[in-house]
Amino acid sequence: MIFAKEKPEDAKKIIGEKRWNEIHKETGLKGGLGHEFYEEYRSTSKITKEGRKRRNELIDLSTKYYNKFR
């Protein structure tokens, strides 16, 4: 989960670069996307129709991404 949640530079400090690289190679996924989805979600308007649509897309993307690490 650290790989998925934290920015790569922070995750490498926590779990070590070797383990981070192993997870990256094993999954083929970009590390830290969970945080990126969270930050975009927070900054996206919940008032506009487009904003609500994007927020729902981000929830879906985040859920699918994190499920790969459970």
N, C-alpha and C. Protein backbone atom coordinates (compact mmCIF):
# COMPACT_ATOMS: atom_id res chain seq x y z
N MET A 1 0.82 -1.20 0.00
CA MET A 1 0.00 0.00 0.00
C MET A 1 0.86 1.26 0.00
N ILE A 2 2.03 1.19 0.62
CA ILE A 2 2.93 2.35 0.60
C ILE A 2 3.30 2.68 -0.84
N PHE A 3 3.58 1.67 -1.65
CA PHE A 3 3.91 1.87 -3.07
C PHE A 3 2.79 2.63 -3.76
N ALA A 4 1.55 2.25 -3.49
CA ALA A 4 0.40 2.83 -4.16
C ALA A 4 0.03 4.21 -3.62
N LYS A 5 0.23 4.42 -2.34
CA LYS A 5 -0.26 5.63 -1.68
C LYS A 5 0.73 6.79 -1.70
N GLU A 6 1.98 6.50 -1.48
CA GLU A 6 2.97 7.56 -1.31
C GLU A 6 3.64 7.94 -2.63
N LYS A 7 4.12 9.17 -2.69
CA LYS A 7 4.93 9.59 -3.83
C LYS A 7 6.13 8.67 -3.90
N PRO A 8 6.59 8.32 -5.11
CA PRO A 8 7.69 7.37 -5.24
C PRO A 8 8.91 7.68 -4.37
N GLU A 9 9.32 8.93 -4.30
CA GLU A 9 10.50 9.26 -3.50
C GLU A 9 10.28 9.01 -2.01
N ASP A 10 9.04 9.23 -1.55
CA ASP A 10 8.72 8.97 -0.15
C ASP A 10 8.57 7.47 0.11
N ALA A 11 7.94 6.78 -0.81
CA ALA A 11 7.76 5.33 -0.67
C ALA A 11 9.10 4.61 -0.61
N LYS A 12 10.03 5.05 -1.44
CA LYS A 12 11.36 4.41 -1.46
C LYS A 12 12.08 4.60 -0.13
N LYS A 13 11.86 5.73 0.53
CA LYS A 13 12.46 5.96 1.85
C LYS A 13 11.86 5.03 2.89
N ILE A 14 10.59 4.71 2.73
CA ILE A 14 9.89 3.88 3.71
C ILE A 14 10.15 2.39 3.49
N ILE A 15 9.98 1.94 2.25
CA ILE A 15 10.09 0.50 1.99
C ILE A 15 11.41 0.10 1.33
N GLY A 16 12.19 1.10 0.96
CA GLY A 16 13.48 0.84 0.31
C GLY A 16 13.33 0.77 -1.20
N GLU A 17 14.36 1.23 -1.88
CA GLU A 17 14.30 1.29 -3.33
C GLU A 17 14.22 -0.11 -3.96
N LYS A 18 14.91 -1.08 -3.35
CA LYS A 18 14.88 -2.45 -3.88
C LYS A 18 13.46 -2.99 -3.89
N ARG A 19 12.76 -2.87 -2.74
CA ARG A 19 11.38 -3.38 -2.65
C ARG A 19 10.45 -2.59 -3.56
N TRP A 20 10.64 -1.28 -3.65
CA TRP A 20 9.82 -0.45 -4.52
C TRP A 20 9.97 -0.93 -5.96
N ASN A 21 11.21 -1.19 -6.39
CA ASN A 21 11.46 -1.67 -7.76
C ASN A 21 10.85 -3.04 -8.00
N GLU A 22 10.88 -3.90 -6.99
CA GLU A 22 10.26 -5.23 -7.11
C GLU A 22 8.76 -5.11 -7.34
N ILE A 23 8.12 -4.26 -6.56
CA ILE A 23 6.67 -4.07 -6.70
C ILE A 23 6.35 -3.47 -8.07
N HIS A 24 7.13 -2.49 -8.47
CA HIS A 24 6.92 -1.86 -9.77
C HIS A 24 7.05 -2.87 -10.90
N LYS A 25 8.07 -3.69 -10.83
CA LYS A 25 8.30 -4.72 -11.86
C LYS A 25 7.17 -5.75 -11.84
N GLU A 26 6.76 -6.16 -10.65
CA GLU A 26 5.72 -7.18 -10.49
C GLU A 26 4.36 -6.70 -11.01
N THR A 27 4.02 -5.44 -10.73
CA THR A 27 2.69 -4.92 -11.11
C THR A 27 2.69 -4.21 -12.45
N GLY A 28 3.82 -3.62 -12.83
CA GLY A 28 3.86 -2.82 -14.05
C GLY A 28 3.12 -1.51 -13.91
N LEU A 29 2.80 -1.13 -12.67
CA LEU A 29 2.04 0.08 -12.42
C LEU A 29 2.92 1.20 -11.91
N LYS A 30 2.46 2.42 -12.12
CA LYS A 30 3.14 3.60 -11.60
C LYS A 30 2.87 3.69 -10.10
N GLY A 31 3.90 3.95 -9.34
CA GLY A 31 3.73 4.11 -7.90
C GLY A 31 3.17 5.48 -7.55
N GLY A 32 2.42 5.54 -6.46
CA GLY A 32 1.92 6.82 -5.96
C GLY A 32 0.68 7.36 -6.62
N LEU A 33 0.06 6.58 -7.50
CA LEU A 33 -1.14 7.10 -8.17
C LEU A 33 -2.28 7.36 -7.20
N GLY A 34 -2.33 6.60 -6.13
CA GLY A 34 -3.39 6.82 -5.15
C GLY A 34 -3.38 8.25 -4.63
N HIS A 35 -2.19 8.75 -4.36
CA HIS A 35 -2.06 10.13 -3.88
C HIS A 35 -2.44 11.13 -4.98
N GLU A 36 -2.04 10.83 -6.20
CA GLU A 36 -2.39 11.72 -7.32
C GLU A 36 -3.90 11.79 -7.52
N PHE A 37 -4.58 10.63 -7.45
CA PHE A 37 -6.04 10.62 -7.58
C PHE A 37 -6.67 11.43 -6.45
N TYR A 38 -6.17 11.25 -5.24
CA TYR A 38 -6.68 11.98 -4.08
C TYR A 38 -6.54 13.49 -4.24
N GLU A 39 -5.36 13.92 -4.66
CA GLU A 39 -5.12 15.36 -4.83
C GLU A 39 -6.03 15.94 -5.91
N GLU A 40 -6.19 15.24 -7.02
CA GLU A 40 -7.08 15.74 -8.08
C GLU A 40 -8.52 15.77 -7.59
N TYR A 41 -8.93 14.74 -6.88
CA TYR A 41 -10.29 14.68 -6.35
C TYR A 41 -10.57 15.89 -5.46
N ARG A 42 -9.63 16.18 -4.57
CA ARG A 42 -9.80 17.32 -3.65
C ARG A 42 -9.91 18.65 -4.38
N SER A 43 -9.22 18.77 -5.51
CA SER A 43 -9.20 20.05 -6.21
C SER A 43 -10.26 20.16 -7.31
N THR A 44 -11.06 19.12 -7.50
CA THR A 44 -12.08 19.12 -8.54
C THR A 44 -13.41 19.56 -7.95
N SER A 45 -14.08 20.44 -8.67
CA SER A 45 -15.34 21.00 -8.19
C SER A 45 -16.42 19.93 -8.04
N LYS A 46 -17.16 20.01 -6.95
CA LYS A 46 -18.30 19.12 -6.79
C LYS A 46 -19.60 19.85 -7.15
N ILE A 47 -19.46 21.08 -7.61
CA ILE A 47 -20.63 21.89 -7.93
C ILE A 47 -21.05 21.71 -9.39
N THR A 48 -20.08 21.66 -10.29
CA THR A 48 -20.41 21.55 -11.71
C THR A 48 -20.66 20.09 -12.11
N LYS A 49 -21.43 19.92 -13.16
CA LYS A 49 -21.72 18.58 -13.69
C LYS A 49 -20.43 17.88 -14.11
N GLU A 50 -19.55 18.63 -14.78
CA GLU A 50 -18.27 18.06 -15.23
C GLU A 50 -17.41 17.66 -14.03
N GLY A 51 -17.41 18.49 -13.01
CA GLY A 51 -16.64 18.21 -11.81
C GLY A 51 -17.13 16.95 -11.11
N ARG A 52 -18.45 16.83 -10.97
CA ARG A 52 -19.01 15.64 -10.34
C ARG A 52 -18.68 14.38 -11.14
N LYS A 53 -18.75 14.51 -12.47
CA LYS A 53 -18.41 13.37 -13.33
C LYS A 53 -16.95 12.96 -13.14
N ARG A 54 -16.06 13.94 -13.12
CA ARG A 54 -14.64 13.64 -12.94
C ARG A 54 -14.37 13.05 -11.56
N ARG A 55 -15.01 13.57 -10.55
CA ARG A 55 -14.82 13.02 -9.21
C ARG A 55 -15.24 11.56 -9.15
N ASN A 56 -16.35 11.23 -9.81
CA ASN A 56 -16.79 9.83 -9.86
C ASN A 56 -15.80 8.96 -10.62
N GLU A 57 -15.23 9.51 -11.70
CA GLU A 57 -14.20 8.78 -12.45
C GLU A 57 -12.98 8.52 -11.57
N LEU A 58 -12.59 9.52 -10.79
CA LEU A 58 -11.44 9.37 -9.90
C LEU A 58 -11.68 8.34 -8.82
N ILE A 59 -12.89 8.29 -8.29
CA ILE A 59 -13.24 7.27 -7.30
C ILE A 59 -13.08 5.88 -7.92
N ASP A 60 -13.58 5.73 -9.13
CA ASP A 60 -13.48 4.44 -9.83
C ASP A 60 -12.02 4.08 -10.11
N LEU A 61 -11.26 5.03 -10.62
CA LEU A 61 -9.84 4.78 -10.90
C LEU A 61 -9.08 4.41 -9.63
N SER A 62 -9.34 5.13 -8.56
CA SER A 62 -8.67 4.88 -7.30
C SER A 62 -9.01 3.50 -6.76
N THR A 63 -10.28 3.14 -6.79
CA THR A 63 -10.71 1.84 -6.30
C THR A 63 -10.05 0.71 -7.08
N LYS A 64 -10.05 0.82 -8.39
CA LYS A 64 -9.44 -0.22 -9.23
C LYS A 64 -7.93 -0.30 -9.00
N TYR A 65 -7.30 0.84 -8.84
CA TYR A 65 -5.85 0.88 -8.61
C TYR A 65 -5.50 0.21 -7.27
N TYR A 66 -6.17 0.62 -6.19
CA TYR A 66 -5.87 0.06 -4.88
C TYR A 66 -6.21 -1.43 -4.79
N ASN A 67 -7.23 -1.86 -5.52
CA ASN A 67 -7.59 -3.28 -5.51
C ASN A 67 -6.47 -4.17 -6.04
N LYS A 68 -5.59 -3.62 -6.84
CA LYS A 68 -4.47 -4.39 -7.38
C LYS A 68 -3.41 -4.66 -6.30
N PHE A 69 -3.52 -3.99 -5.17
CA PHE A 69 -2.53 -4.13 -4.11
C PHE A 69 -3.11 -4.82 -2.87
N ARG A 70 -4.32 -5.26 -2.92
CA ARG A 70 -4.95 -5.92 -1.76
C ARG A 70 -4.82 -7.41 -1.84
